[in-house]
Amino acid sequence: MTKTLFILNDPPYGTERSYNGLRLAGALSRREGQELKIFLMGDAASCAKANQKVPAGFYNLELMLKAPGRHGAEVGVCGTCMDARGIAETELAEGAKRSTLEQLTDWTVWADKVLVF
């Protein structure tokens, strides 16, 4: 079993770093023998905002975040980063949970690989 931690920092829209990180996480989560955790911090905390409305044909990070979750990935959102951006826990997308730097530390120790976007 390979254990991979994804740490996303960039906003959901405006750059493609979070988009590309979630694309890779989604693809990896569908592979046998893979266990994933995703931690959103900084502006990436907004990736987990529920009820995102995007133009037709445009990617939706909320939906992309759910895909790895369907395959068992855990999704943590930095609580300090949520507070700084006015995101309440009740506003998080399904499967995303308010988290802490302490949990990120535990996940980093747990992981065989840490990928930062």
PDB file of N, CA and C in Angstrom:
ATOM      1  N   MET A   1       0.855  -1.181   0.000  1.00  0.00           N
ATOM      2  CA  MET A   1       0.000   0.000   0.000  1.00  0.00           C
ATOM      3  C   MET A   1       0.896   1.238   0.000  1.00  0.00           C
ATOM      4  N   THR A   2       0.705   2.124  -0.958  1.00  0.00           N
ATOM      5  CA  THR A   2       1.423   3.390  -1.012  1.00  0.00           C
ATOM      6  C   THR A   2       0.535   4.482  -0.428  1.00  0.00           C
ATOM      7  N   LYS A   3       1.109   5.273   0.465  1.00  0.00           N
ATOM      8  CA  LYS A   3       0.371   6.330   1.145  1.00  0.00           C
ATOM      9  C   LYS A   3       0.877   7.684   0.659  1.00  0.00           C
ATOM     10  N   THR A   4      -0.035   8.463   0.062  1.00  0.00           N
ATOM     11  CA  THR A   4       0.338   9.751  -0.520  1.00  0.00           C
ATOM     12  C   THR A   4      -0.473  10.870   0.108  1.00  0.00           C
ATOM     13  N   LEU A   5       0.228  11.924   0.485  1.00  0.00           N
ATOM     14  CA  LEU A   5      -0.399  13.132   1.011  1.00  0.00           C
ATOM     15  C   LEU A   5      -0.272  14.231  -0.034  1.00  0.00           C
ATOM     16  N   PHE A   6      -1.400  14.836  -0.382  1.00  0.00           N
ATOM     17  CA  PHE A   6      -1.430  15.989  -1.264  1.00  0.00           C
ATOM     18  C   PHE A   6      -1.662  17.227  -0.407  1.00  0.00           C
ATOM     19  N   ILE A   7      -0.824  18.243  -0.570  1.00  0.00           N
ATOM     20  CA  ILE A   7      -1.012  19.516   0.112  1.00  0.00           C
ATOM     21  C   ILE A   7      -1.245  20.565  -0.971  1.00  0.00           C
ATOM     22  N   LEU A   8      -2.423  21.178  -0.942  1.00  0.00           N
ATOM     23  CA  LEU A   8      -2.770  22.203  -1.923  1.00  0.00           C
ATOM     24  C   LEU A   8      -2.767  23.563  -1.244  1.00  0.00           C
ATOM     25  N   ASN A   9      -2.201  24.561  -1.926  1.00  0.00           N
ATOM     26  CA  ASN A   9      -2.068  25.910  -1.383  1.00  0.00           C
ATOM     27  C   ASN A   9      -2.781  26.980  -2.197  1.00  0.00           C
ATOM     28  N   ASP A  10      -2.962  26.751  -3.491  1.00  0.00           N
ATOM     29  CA  ASP A  10      -3.462  27.798  -4.385  1.00  0.00           C
ATOM     30  C   ASP A  10      -4.984  27.869  -4.402  1.00  0.00           C
ATOM     31  N   PRO A  11      -5.521  29.025  -4.822  1.00  0.00           N
ATOM     32  CA  PRO A  11      -6.984  29.185  -4.867  1.00  0.00           C
ATOM     33  C   PRO A  11      -7.604  28.231  -5.879  1.00  0.00           C
ATOM     34  N   PRO A  12      -8.899  27.994  -5.758  1.00  0.00           N
ATOM     35  CA  PRO A  12      -9.557  27.058  -6.666  1.00  0.00           C
ATOM     36  C   PRO A  12      -9.585  27.543  -8.113  1.00  0.00           C
ATOM     37  N   TYR A  13      -9.626  28.828  -8.307  1.00  0.00           N
ATOM     38  CA  TYR A  13      -9.713  29.381  -9.660  1.00  0.00           C
ATOM     39  C   TYR A  13      -8.708  30.522  -9.778  1.00  0.00           C
ATOM     40  N   GLY A  14      -8.222  30.761 -10.975  1.00  0.00           N
ATOM     41  CA  GLY A  14      -7.249  31.824 -11.192  1.00  0.00           C
ATOM     42  C   GLY A  14      -5.871  31.271 -11.514  1.00  0.00           C
ATOM     43  N   THR A  15      -5.538  30.130 -10.932  1.00  0.00           N
ATOM     44  CA  THR A  15      -4.356  29.358 -11.324  1.00  0.00           C
ATOM     45  C   THR A  15      -4.855  27.936 -11.525  1.00  0.00           C
ATOM     46  N   GLU A  16      -4.029  27.084 -12.048  1.00  0.00           N
ATOM     47  CA  GLU A  16      -4.459  25.701 -12.261  1.00  0.00           C
ATOM     48  C   GLU A  16      -3.734  24.721 -11.347  1.00  0.00           C
ATOM     49  N   ARG A  17      -3.025  25.224 -10.342  1.00  0.00           N
ATOM     50  CA  ARG A  17      -2.275  24.329  -9.465  1.00  0.00           C
ATOM     51  C   ARG A  17      -3.199  23.410  -8.653  1.00  0.00           C
ATOM     52  N   SER A  18      -4.220  23.955  -8.025  1.00  0.00           N
ATOM     53  CA  SER A  18      -5.146  23.117  -7.255  1.00  0.00           C
ATOM     54  C   SER A  18      -5.905  22.175  -8.190  1.00  0.00           C
ATOM     55  N   TYR A  19      -6.309  22.688  -9.333  1.00  0.00           N
ATOM     56  CA  TYR A  19      -6.980  21.869 -10.352  1.00  0.00           C
ATOM     57  C   TYR A  19      -6.099  20.672 -10.730  1.00  0.00           C
ATOM     58  N   ASN A  20      -4.831  20.936 -11.030  1.00  0.00           N
ATOM     59  CA  ASN A  20      -3.942  19.849 -11.428  1.00  0.00           C
ATOM     60  C   ASN A  20      -3.649  18.893 -10.280  1.00  0.00           C
ATOM     61  N   GLY A  21      -3.520  19.426  -9.068  1.00  0.00           N
ATOM     62  CA  GLY A  21      -3.325  18.557  -7.911  1.00  0.00           C
ATOM     63  C   GLY A  21      -4.506  17.618  -7.700  1.00  0.00           C
ATOM     64  N   LEU A  22      -5.715  18.145  -7.854  1.00  0.00           N
ATOM     65  CA  LEU A  22      -6.906  17.304  -7.680  1.00  0.00           C
ATOM     66  C   LEU A  22      -7.106  16.351  -8.848  1.00  0.00           C
ATOM     67  N   ARG A  23      -6.678  16.744 -10.030  1.00  0.00           N
ATOM     68  CA  ARG A  23      -6.715  15.804 -11.165  1.00  0.00           C
ATOM     69  C   ARG A  23      -5.843  14.596 -10.853  1.00  0.00           C
ATOM     70  N   LEU A  24      -4.627  14.848 -10.380  1.00  0.00           N
ATOM     71  CA  LEU A  24      -3.712  13.756 -10.050  1.00  0.00           C
ATOM     72  C   LEU A  24      -4.244  12.936  -8.879  1.00  0.00           C
ATOM     73  N   ALA A  25      -4.757  13.592  -7.859  1.00  0.00           N
ATOM     74  CA  ALA A  25      -5.310  12.874  -6.709  1.00  0.00           C
ATOM     75  C   ALA A  25      -6.471  11.972  -7.139  1.00  0.00           C
ATOM     76  N   GLY A  26      -7.335  12.488  -8.003  1.00  0.00           N
ATOM     77  CA  GLY A  26      -8.456  11.692  -8.496  1.00  0.00           C
ATOM     78  C   GLY A  26      -7.998  10.473  -9.265  1.00  0.00           C
ATOM     79  N   ALA A  27      -7.015  10.649 -10.138  1.00  0.00           N
ATOM     80  CA  ALA A  27      -6.494   9.531 -10.931  1.00  0.00           C
ATOM     81  C   ALA A  27      -5.803   8.507 -10.034  1.00  0.00           C
ATOM     82  N   LEU A  28      -5.005   8.979  -9.089  1.00  0.00           N
ATOM     83  CA  LEU A  28      -4.282   8.080  -8.195  1.00  0.00           C
ATOM     84  C   LEU A  28      -5.241   7.323  -7.276  1.00  0.00           C
ATOM     85  N   SER A  29      -6.304   7.983  -6.857  1.00  0.00           N
ATOM     86  CA  SER A  29      -7.256   7.339  -5.936  1.00  0.00           C
ATOM     87  C   SER A  29      -7.967   6.148  -6.582  1.00  0.00           C
ATOM     88  N   ARG A  30      -8.005   6.105  -7.896  1.00  0.00           N
ATOM     89  CA  ARG A  30      -8.662   4.996  -8.602  1.00  0.00           C
ATOM     90  C   ARG A  30      -7.742   3.792  -8.798  1.00  0.00           C
ATOM     91  N   ARG A  31      -6.485   3.928  -8.436  1.00  0.00           N
ATOM     92  CA  ARG A  31      -5.519   2.838  -8.595  1.00  0.00           C
ATOM     93  C   ARG A  31      -5.533   1.917  -7.384  1.00  0.00           C
ATOM     94  N   GLU A  32      -5.323   0.643  -7.652  1.00  0.00           N
ATOM     95  CA  GLU A  32      -5.217  -0.346  -6.567  1.00  0.00           C
ATOM     96  C   GLU A  32      -3.982  -0.057  -5.720  1.00  0.00           C
ATOM     97  N   GLY A  33      -4.089  -0.287  -4.435  1.00  0.00           N
ATOM     98  CA  GLY A  33      -2.946  -0.173  -3.540  1.00  0.00           C
ATOM     99  C   GLY A  33      -2.549   1.250  -3.186  1.00  0.00           C
ATOM    100  N   GLN A  34      -3.445   2.196  -3.388  1.00  0.00           N
ATOM    101  CA  GLN A  34      -3.152   3.598  -3.090  1.00  0.00           C
ATOM    102  C   GLN A  34      -4.048   4.092  -1.963  1.00  0.00           C
ATOM    103  N   GLU A  35      -3.450   4.778  -1.030  1.00  0.00           N
ATOM    104  CA  GLU A  35      -4.199   5.421   0.045  1.00  0.00           C
ATOM    105  C   GLU A  35      -3.818   6.896   0.030  1.00  0.00           C
ATOM    106  N   LEU A  36      -4.817   7.785   0.041  1.00  0.00           N
ATOM    107  CA  LEU A  36      -4.569   9.217  -0.098  1.00  0.00           C
ATOM    108  C   LEU A  36      -5.170  10.023   1.036  1.00  0.00           C
ATOM    109  N   LYS A  37      -4.507  11.142   1.297  1.00  0.00           N
ATOM    110  CA  LYS A  37      -5.047  12.184   2.159  1.00  0.00           C
ATOM    111  C   LYS A  37      -4.775  13.500   1.439  1.00  0.00           C
ATOM    112  N   ILE A  38      -5.725  14.430   1.540  1.00  0.00           N
ATOM    113  CA  ILE A  38      -5.606  15.734   0.884  1.00  0.00           C
ATOM    114  C   ILE A  38      -5.783  16.806   1.944  1.00  0.00           C
ATOM    115  N   PHE A  39      -4.828  17.735   2.005  1.00  0.00           N
ATOM    116  CA  PHE A  39      -4.907  18.825   2.968  1.00  0.00           C
ATOM    117  C   PHE A  39      -4.918  20.137   2.207  1.00  0.00           C
ATOM    118  N   LEU A  40      -5.933  20.958   2.471  1.00  0.00           N
ATOM    119  CA  LEU A  40      -6.093  22.248   1.815  1.00  0.00           C
ATOM    120  C   LEU A  40      -5.719  23.351   2.792  1.00  0.00           C
ATOM    121  N   MET A  41      -4.783  24.200   2.384  1.00  0.00           N
ATOM    122  CA  MET A  41      -4.379  25.306   3.254  1.00  0.00           C
ATOM    123  C   MET A  41      -4.210  26.576   2.433  1.00  0.00           C
ATOM    124  N   GLY A  42      -4.112  27.693   3.109  1.00  0.00           N
ATOM    125  CA  GLY A  42      -4.021  28.966   2.404  1.00  0.00           C
ATOM    126  C   GLY A  42      -5.269  29.165   1.558  1.00  0.00           C
ATOM    127  N   ASP A  43      -5.082  29.716   0.371  1.00  0.00           N
ATOM    128  CA  ASP A  43      -6.222  29.976  -0.507  1.00  0.00           C
ATOM    129  C   ASP A  43      -6.905  28.702  -0.997  1.00  0.00           C
ATOM    130  N   ALA A  44      -6.224  27.563  -0.899  1.00  0.00           N
ATOM    131  CA  ALA A  44      -6.844  26.301  -1.318  1.00  0.00           C
ATOM    132  C   ALA A  44      -7.999  25.895  -0.403  1.00  0.00           C
ATOM    133  N   ALA A  45      -8.113  26.494   0.772  1.00  0.00           N
ATOM    134  CA  ALA A  45      -9.251  26.204   1.647  1.00  0.00           C
ATOM    135  C   ALA A  45     -10.567  26.469   0.919  1.00  0.00           C
ATOM    136  N   SER A  46     -10.560  27.421   0.008  1.00  0.00           N
ATOM    137  CA  SER A  46     -11.775  27.745  -0.758  1.00  0.00           C
ATOM    138  C   SER A  46     -12.155  26.652  -1.750  1.00  0.00           C
ATOM    139  N   CYS A  47     -11.255  25.732  -2.045  1.00  0.00           N
ATOM    140  CA  CYS A  47     -11.583  24.600  -2.929  1.00  0.00           C
ATOM    141  C   CYS A  47     -12.694  23.745  -2.325  1.00  0.00           C
ATOM    142  N   ALA A  48     -12.783  23.739  -0.998  1.00  0.00           N
ATOM    143  CA  ALA A  48     -13.757  22.892  -0.307  1.00  0.00           C
ATOM    144  C   ALA A  48     -15.065  23.607  -0.008  1.00  0.00           C
ATOM    145  N   LYS A  49     -15.244  24.800  -0.532  1.00  0.00           N
ATOM    146  CA  LYS A  49     -16.499  25.541  -0.314  1.00  0.00           C
ATOM    147  C   LYS A  49     -17.630  24.844  -1.050  1.00  0.00           C
ATOM    148  N   ALA A  50     -18.711  24.577  -0.358  1.00  0.00           N
ATOM    149  CA  ALA A  50     -19.875  23.898  -0.945  1.00  0.00           C
ATOM    150  C   ALA A  50     -20.632  24.834  -1.879  1.00  0.00           C
ATOM    151  N   ASN A  51     -21.379  24.230  -2.781  1.00  0.00           N
ATOM    152  CA  ASN A  51     -22.305  24.932  -3.690  1.00  0.00           C
ATOM    153  C   ASN A  51     -21.615  25.888  -4.658  1.00  0.00           C
ATOM    154  N   GLN A  52     -20.454  25.493  -5.162  1.00  0.00           N
ATOM    155  CA  GLN A  52     -19.767  26.323  -6.145  1.00  0.00           C
ATOM    156  C   GLN A  52     -20.568  26.338  -7.451  1.00  0.00           C
ATOM    157  N   LYS A  53     -20.696  27.507  -8.020  1.00  0.00           N
ATOM    158  CA  LYS A  53     -21.389  27.679  -9.309  1.00  0.00           C
ATOM    159  C   LYS A  53     -20.361  28.218 -10.294  1.00  0.00           C
ATOM    160  N   VAL A  54     -20.092  27.450 -11.326  1.00  0.00           N
ATOM    161  CA  VAL A  54     -19.111  27.851 -12.332  1.00  0.00           C
ATOM    162  C   VAL A  54     -19.782  27.881 -13.706  1.00  0.00           C
ATOM    163  N   PRO A  55     -19.214  28.615 -14.655  1.00  0.00           N
ATOM    164  CA  PRO A  55     -19.801  28.659 -15.998  1.00  0.00           C
ATOM    165  C   PRO A  55     -19.833  27.271 -16.629  1.00  0.00           C
ATOM    166  N   ALA A  56     -20.794  27.051 -17.496  1.00  0.00           N
ATOM    167  CA  ALA A  56     -20.904  25.777 -18.210  1.00  0.00           C
ATOM    168  C   ALA A  56     -19.587  25.471 -18.918  1.00  0.00           C
ATOM    169  N   GLY A  57     -19.139  24.231 -18.776  1.00  0.00           N
ATOM    170  CA  GLY A  57     -17.913  23.794 -19.419  1.00  0.00           C
ATOM    171  C   GLY A  57     -16.650  24.073 -18.623  1.00  0.00           C
ATOM    172  N   PHE A  58     -16.772  24.740 -17.472  1.00  0.00           N
ATOM    173  CA  PHE A  58     -15.630  25.078 -16.637  1.00  0.00           C
ATOM    174  C   PHE A  58     -15.515  24.045 -15.524  1.00  0.00           C
ATOM    175  N   TYR A  59     -14.302  23.699 -15.135  1.00  0.00           N
ATOM    176  CA  TYR A  59     -14.130  22.713 -14.067  1.00  0.00           C
ATOM    177  C   TYR A  59     -14.673  23.243 -12.742  1.00  0.00           C
ATOM    178  N   ASN A  60     -15.086  22.299 -11.883  1.00  0.00           N
ATOM    179  CA  ASN A  60     -15.657  22.624 -10.585  1.00  0.00           C
ATOM    180  C   ASN A  60     -14.840  21.904  -9.526  1.00  0.00           C
ATOM    181  N   LEU A  61     -14.063  22.659  -8.749  1.00  0.00           N
ATOM    182  CA  LEU A  61     -13.174  22.054  -7.757  1.00  0.00           C
ATOM    183  C   LEU A  61     -13.921  21.322  -6.652  1.00  0.00           C
ATOM    184  N   GLU A  62     -15.098  21.777  -6.307  1.00  0.00           N
ATOM    185  CA  GLU A  62     -15.890  21.085  -5.285  1.00  0.00           C
ATOM    186  C   GLU A  62     -16.178  19.656  -5.742  1.00  0.00           C
ATOM    187  N   LEU A  63     -16.603  19.499  -6.983  1.00  0.00           N
ATOM    188  CA  LEU A  63     -16.889  18.161  -7.514  1.00  0.00           C
ATOM    189  C   LEU A  63     -15.617  17.332  -7.637  1.00  0.00           C
ATOM    190  N   MET A  64     -14.536  17.964  -8.058  1.00  0.00           N
ATOM    191  CA  MET A  64     -13.268  17.248  -8.204  1.00  0.00           C
ATOM    192  C   MET A  64     -12.743  16.771  -6.853  1.00  0.00           C
ATOM    193  N   LEU A  65     -13.043  17.496  -5.804  1.00  0.00           N
ATOM    194  CA  LEU A  65     -12.599  17.131  -4.464  1.00  0.00           C
ATOM    195  C   LEU A  65     -13.350  15.897  -3.950  1.00  0.00           C
ATOM    196  N   LYS A  66     -14.576  15.716  -4.402  1.00  0.00           N
ATOM    197  CA  LYS A  66     -15.381  14.577  -3.958  1.00  0.00           C
ATOM    198  C   LYS A  66     -14.898  13.259  -4.554  1.00  0.00           C
ATOM    199  N   ALA A  67     -14.317  13.288  -5.751  1.00  0.00           N
ATOM    200  CA  ALA A  67     -13.915  12.061  -6.431  1.00  0.00           C
ATOM    201  C   ALA A  67     -12.942  11.219  -5.603  1.00  0.00           C
ATOM    202  N   PRO A  68     -11.829  11.778  -5.101  1.00  0.00           N
ATOM    203  CA  PRO A  68     -10.945  10.951  -4.271  1.00  0.00           C
ATOM    204  C   PRO A  68     -11.637  10.449  -3.004  1.00  0.00           C
ATOM    205  N   GLY A  69     -12.545  11.254  -2.456  1.00  0.00           N
ATOM    206  CA  GLY A  69     -13.290  10.850  -1.260  1.00  0.00           C
ATOM    207  C   GLY A  69     -14.118   9.601  -1.487  1.00  0.00           C
ATOM    208  N   ARG A  70     -14.653   9.461  -2.683  1.00  0.00           N
ATOM    209  CA  ARG A  70     -15.432   8.251  -3.008  1.00  0.00           C
ATOM    210  C   ARG A  70     -14.562   7.000  -3.000  1.00  0.00           C
ATOM    211  N   HIS A  71     -13.261   7.189  -3.095  1.00  0.00           N
ATOM    212  CA  HIS A  71     -12.320   6.060  -3.083  1.00  0.00           C
ATOM    213  C   HIS A  71     -11.569   5.982  -1.758  1.00  0.00           C
ATOM    214  N   GLY A  72     -12.093   6.641  -0.721  1.00  0.00           N
ATOM    215  CA  GLY A  72     -11.539   6.510   0.616  1.00  0.00           C
ATOM    216  C   GLY A  72     -10.575   7.586   1.059  1.00  0.00           C
ATOM    217  N   ALA A  73     -10.271   8.578   0.225  1.00  0.00           N
ATOM    218  CA  ALA A  73      -9.340   9.626   0.629  1.00  0.00           C
ATOM    219  C   ALA A  73      -9.976  10.525   1.688  1.00  0.00           C
ATOM    220  N   GLU A  74      -9.167  10.952   2.634  1.00  0.00           N
ATOM    221  CA  GLU A  74      -9.604  11.930   3.625  1.00  0.00           C
ATOM    222  C   GLU A  74      -9.237  13.327   3.131  1.00  0.00           C
ATOM    223  N   VAL A  75     -10.100  14.301   3.422  1.00  0.00           N
ATOM    224  CA  VAL A  75      -9.846  15.677   3.019  1.00  0.00           C
ATOM    225  C   VAL A  75      -9.904  16.558   4.264  1.00  0.00           C
ATOM    226  N   GLY A  76      -8.787  17.205   4.567  1.00  0.00           N
ATOM    227  CA  GLY A  76      -8.717  18.129   5.688  1.00  0.00           C
ATOM    228  C   GLY A  76      -8.548  19.546   5.185  1.00  0.00           C
ATOM    229  N   VAL A  77      -9.180  20.493   5.863  1.00  0.00           N
ATOM    230  CA  VAL A  77      -9.082  21.904   5.498  1.00  0.00           C
ATOM    231  C   VAL A  77      -8.543  22.655   6.716  1.00  0.00           C
ATOM    232  N   CYS A  78      -7.481  23.402   6.519  1.00  0.00           N
ATOM    233  CA  CYS A  78      -6.855  24.152   7.606  1.00  0.00           C
ATOM    234  C   CYS A  78      -7.882  25.083   8.267  1.00  0.00           C
ATOM    235  N   GLY A  79      -8.112  24.886   9.542  1.00  0.00           N
ATOM    236  CA  GLY A  79      -9.090  25.692  10.266  1.00  0.00           C
ATOM    237  C   GLY A  79      -8.694  27.157  10.364  1.00  0.00           C
ATOM    238  N   THR A  80      -7.423  27.431  10.572  1.00  0.00           N
ATOM    239  CA  THR A  80      -6.947  28.811  10.638  1.00  0.00           C
ATOM    240  C   THR A  80      -7.164  29.505   9.295  1.00  0.00           C
ATOM    241  N   CYS A  81      -6.899  28.790   8.215  1.00  0.00           N
ATOM    242  CA  CYS A  81      -7.081  29.336   6.862  1.00  0.00           C
ATOM    243  C   CYS A  81      -8.561  29.558   6.566  1.00  0.00           C
ATOM    244  N   MET A  82      -9.413  28.659   7.064  1.00  0.00           N
ATOM    245  CA  MET A  82     -10.861  28.843   6.910  1.00  0.00           C
ATOM    246  C   MET A  82     -11.302  30.115   7.619  1.00  0.00           C
ATOM    247  N   ASP A  83     -10.861  30.283   8.850  1.00  0.00           N
ATOM    248  CA  ASP A  83     -11.238  31.457   9.632  1.00  0.00           C
ATOM    249  C   ASP A  83     -10.800  32.747   8.943  1.00  0.00           C
ATOM    250  N   ALA A  84      -9.584  32.758   8.418  1.00  0.00           N
ATOM    251  CA  ALA A  84      -9.053  33.950   7.753  1.00  0.00           C
ATOM    252  C   ALA A  84      -9.869  34.323   6.518  1.00  0.00           C
ATOM    253  N   ARG A  85     -10.523  33.323   5.917  1.00  0.00           N
ATOM    254  CA  ARG A  85     -11.302  33.547   4.699  1.00  0.00           C
ATOM    255  C   ARG A  85     -12.803  33.573   4.949  1.00  0.00           C
ATOM    256  N   GLY A  86     -13.203  33.513   6.211  1.00  0.00           N
ATOM    257  CA  GLY A  86     -14.622  33.579   6.555  1.00  0.00           C
ATOM    258  C   GLY A  86     -15.409  32.357   6.130  1.00  0.00           C
ATOM    259  N   ILE A  87     -14.763  31.192   6.098  1.00  0.00           N
ATOM    260  CA  ILE A  87     -15.446  29.950   5.709  1.00  0.00           C
ATOM    261  C   ILE A  87     -15.830  29.185   6.970  1.00  0.00           C
ATOM    262  N   ALA A  88     -17.118  28.985   7.169  1.00  0.00           N
ATOM    263  CA  ALA A  88     -17.603  28.234   8.327  1.00  0.00           C
ATOM    264  C   ALA A  88     -17.569  26.741   8.014  1.00  0.00           C
ATOM    265  N   GLU A  89     -17.478  25.937   9.061  1.00  0.00           N
ATOM    266  CA  GLU A  89     -17.450  24.482   8.877  1.00  0.00           C
ATOM    267  C   GLU A  89     -18.710  23.990   8.160  1.00  0.00           C
ATOM    268  N   THR A  90     -19.828  24.643   8.385  1.00  0.00           N
ATOM    269  CA  THR A  90     -21.084  24.257   7.737  1.00  0.00           C
ATOM    270  C   THR A  90     -21.078  24.548   6.240  1.00  0.00           C
ATOM    271  N   GLU A  91     -20.113  25.334   5.778  1.00  0.00           N
ATOM    272  CA  GLU A  91     -20.012  25.673   4.358  1.00  0.00           C
ATOM    273  C   GLU A  91     -19.103  24.732   3.570  1.00  0.00           C
ATOM    274  N   LEU A  92     -18.514  23.747   4.244  1.00  0.00           N
ATOM    275  CA  LEU A  92     -17.593  22.837   3.567  1.00  0.00           C
ATOM    276  C   LEU A  92     -18.347  21.809   2.726  1.00  0.00           C
ATOM    277  N   ALA A  93     -17.724  21.437   1.632  1.00  0.00           N
ATOM    278  CA  ALA A  93     -18.270  20.415   0.740  1.00  0.00           C
ATOM    279  C   ALA A  93     -18.338  19.072   1.454  1.00  0.00           C
ATOM    280  N   GLU A  94     -19.206  18.239   0.980  1.00  0.00           N
ATOM    281  CA  GLU A  94     -19.359  16.891   1.524  1.00  0.00           C
ATOM    282  C   GLU A  94     -18.009  16.174   1.530  1.00  0.00           C
ATOM    283  N   GLY A  95     -17.671  15.587   2.678  1.00  0.00           N
ATOM    284  CA  GLY A  95     -16.428  14.830   2.799  1.00  0.00           C
ATOM    285  C   GLY A  95     -15.239  15.635   3.299  1.00  0.00           C
ATOM    286  N   ALA A  96     -15.303  16.950   3.216  1.00  0.00           N
ATOM    287  CA  ALA A  96     -14.213  17.796   3.710  1.00  0.00           C
ATOM    288  C   ALA A  96     -14.458  18.117   5.179  1.00  0.00           C
ATOM    289  N   LYS A  97     -13.379  18.136   5.953  1.00  0.00           N
ATOM    290  CA  LYS A  97     -13.504  18.393   7.391  1.00  0.00           C
ATOM    291  C   LYS A  97     -12.503  19.460   7.827  1.00  0.00           C
ATOM    292  N   ARG A  98     -12.942  20.284   8.755  1.00  0.00           N
ATOM    293  CA  ARG A  98     -12.046  21.268   9.363  1.00  0.00           C
ATOM    294  C   ARG A  98     -10.895  20.507  10.012  1.00  0.00           C
ATOM    295  N   SER A  99      -9.690  20.999   9.852  1.00  0.00           N
ATOM    296  CA  SER A  99      -8.529  20.288  10.353  1.00  0.00           C
ATOM    297  C   SER A  99      -7.544  21.260  11.002  1.00  0.00           C
ATOM    298  N   THR A 100      -6.383  20.745  11.355  1.00  0.00           N
ATOM    299  CA  THR A 100      -5.385  21.536  12.070  1.00  0.00           C
ATOM    300  C   THR A 100      -3.987  21.260  11.518  1.00  0.00           C
ATOM    301  N   LEU A 101      -3.060  22.114  11.880  1.00  0.00           N
ATOM    302  CA  LEU A 101      -1.662  21.890  11.528  1.00  0.00           C
ATOM    303  C   LEU A 101      -1.146  20.613  12.196  1.00  0.00           C
ATOM    304  N   GLU A 102      -1.659  20.312  13.369  1.00  0.00           N
ATOM    305  CA  GLU A 102      -1.258  19.076  14.069  1.00  0.00           C
ATOM    306  C   GLU A 102      -1.653  17.843  13.243  1.00  0.00           C
ATOM    307  N   GLN A 103      -2.842  17.880  12.662  1.00  0.00           N
ATOM    308  CA  GLN A 103      -3.259  16.754  11.814  1.00  0.00           C
ATOM    309  C   GLN A 103      -2.395  16.681  10.562  1.00  0.00           C
ATOM    310  N   LEU A 104      -2.081  17.826   9.974  1.00  0.00           N
ATOM    311  CA  LEU A 104      -1.194  17.831   8.814  1.00  0.00           C
ATOM    312  C   LEU A 104       0.161  17.228   9.183  1.00  0.00           C
ATOM    313  N   THR A 105       0.648  17.533  10.359  1.00  0.00           N
ATOM    314  CA  THR A 105       1.908  16.958  10.835  1.00  0.00           C
ATOM    315  C   THR A 105       1.790  15.439  10.934  1.00  0.00           C
ATOM    316  N   ASP A 106       0.702  14.946  11.518  1.00  0.00           N
ATOM    317  CA  ASP A 106       0.484  13.499  11.624  1.00  0.00           C
ATOM    318  C   ASP A 106       0.409  12.860  10.241  1.00  0.00           C
ATOM    319  N   TRP A 107      -0.309  13.501   9.320  1.00  0.00           N
ATOM    320  CA  TRP A 107      -0.445  12.959   7.969  1.00  0.00           C
ATOM    321  C   TRP A 107       0.897  12.950   7.240  1.00  0.00           C
ATOM    322  N   THR A 108       1.729  13.942   7.493  1.00  0.00           N
ATOM    323  CA  THR A 108       3.046  14.004   6.859  1.00  0.00           C
ATOM    324  C   THR A 108       3.914  12.846   7.335  1.00  0.00           C
ATOM    325  N   VAL A 109       3.872  12.551   8.623  1.00  0.00           N
ATOM    326  CA  VAL A 109       4.622  11.421   9.174  1.00  0.00           C
ATOM    327  C   VAL A 109       4.078  10.106   8.613  1.00  0.00           C
ATOM    328  N   TRP A 110       2.773  10.010   8.426  1.00  0.00           N
ATOM    329  CA  TRP A 110       2.108   8.812   7.905  1.00  0.00           C
ATOM    330  C   TRP A 110       2.494   8.519   6.450  1.00  0.00           C
ATOM    331  N   ALA A 111       2.694   9.557   5.663  1.00  0.00           N
ATOM    332  CA  ALA A 111       2.824   9.425   4.206  1.00  0.00           C
ATOM    333  C   ALA A 111       4.168   8.859   3.753  1.00  0.00           C
ATOM    334  N   ASP A 112       4.103   8.065   2.672  1.00  0.00           N
ATOM    335  CA  ASP A 112       5.310   7.640   1.969  1.00  0.00           C
ATOM    336  C   ASP A 112       5.769   8.746   1.016  1.00  0.00           C
ATOM    337  N   LYS A 113       4.798   9.466   0.473  1.00  0.00           N
ATOM    338  CA  LYS A 113       5.062  10.548  -0.485  1.00  0.00           C
ATOM    339  C   LYS A 113       4.234  11.756  -0.094  1.00  0.00           C
ATOM    340  N   VAL A 114       4.829  12.944  -0.223  1.00  0.00           N
ATOM    341  CA  VAL A 114       4.101  14.195   0.006  1.00  0.00           C
ATOM    342  C   VAL A 114       4.248  15.025  -1.272  1.00  0.00           C
ATOM    343  N   LEU A 115       3.113  15.345  -1.889  1.00  0.00           N
ATOM    344  CA  LEU A 115       3.093  16.151  -3.103  1.00  0.00           C
ATOM    345  C   LEU A 115       2.464  17.496  -2.772  1.00  0.00           C
ATOM    346  N   VAL A 116       3.165  18.576  -3.112  1.00  0.00           N
ATOM    347  CA  VAL A 116       2.715  19.922  -2.771  1.00  0.00           C
ATOM    348  C   VAL A 116       2.393  20.688  -4.048  1.00  0.00           C
ATOM    349  N   PHE A 117       1.178  21.222  -4.109  1.00  0.00           N
ATOM    350  CA  PHE A 117       0.732  22.034  -5.251  1.00  0.00           C
ATOM    351  C   PHE A 117       0.389  23.414  -4.753  1.00  0.00           C
TER     352      PHE A 117
END
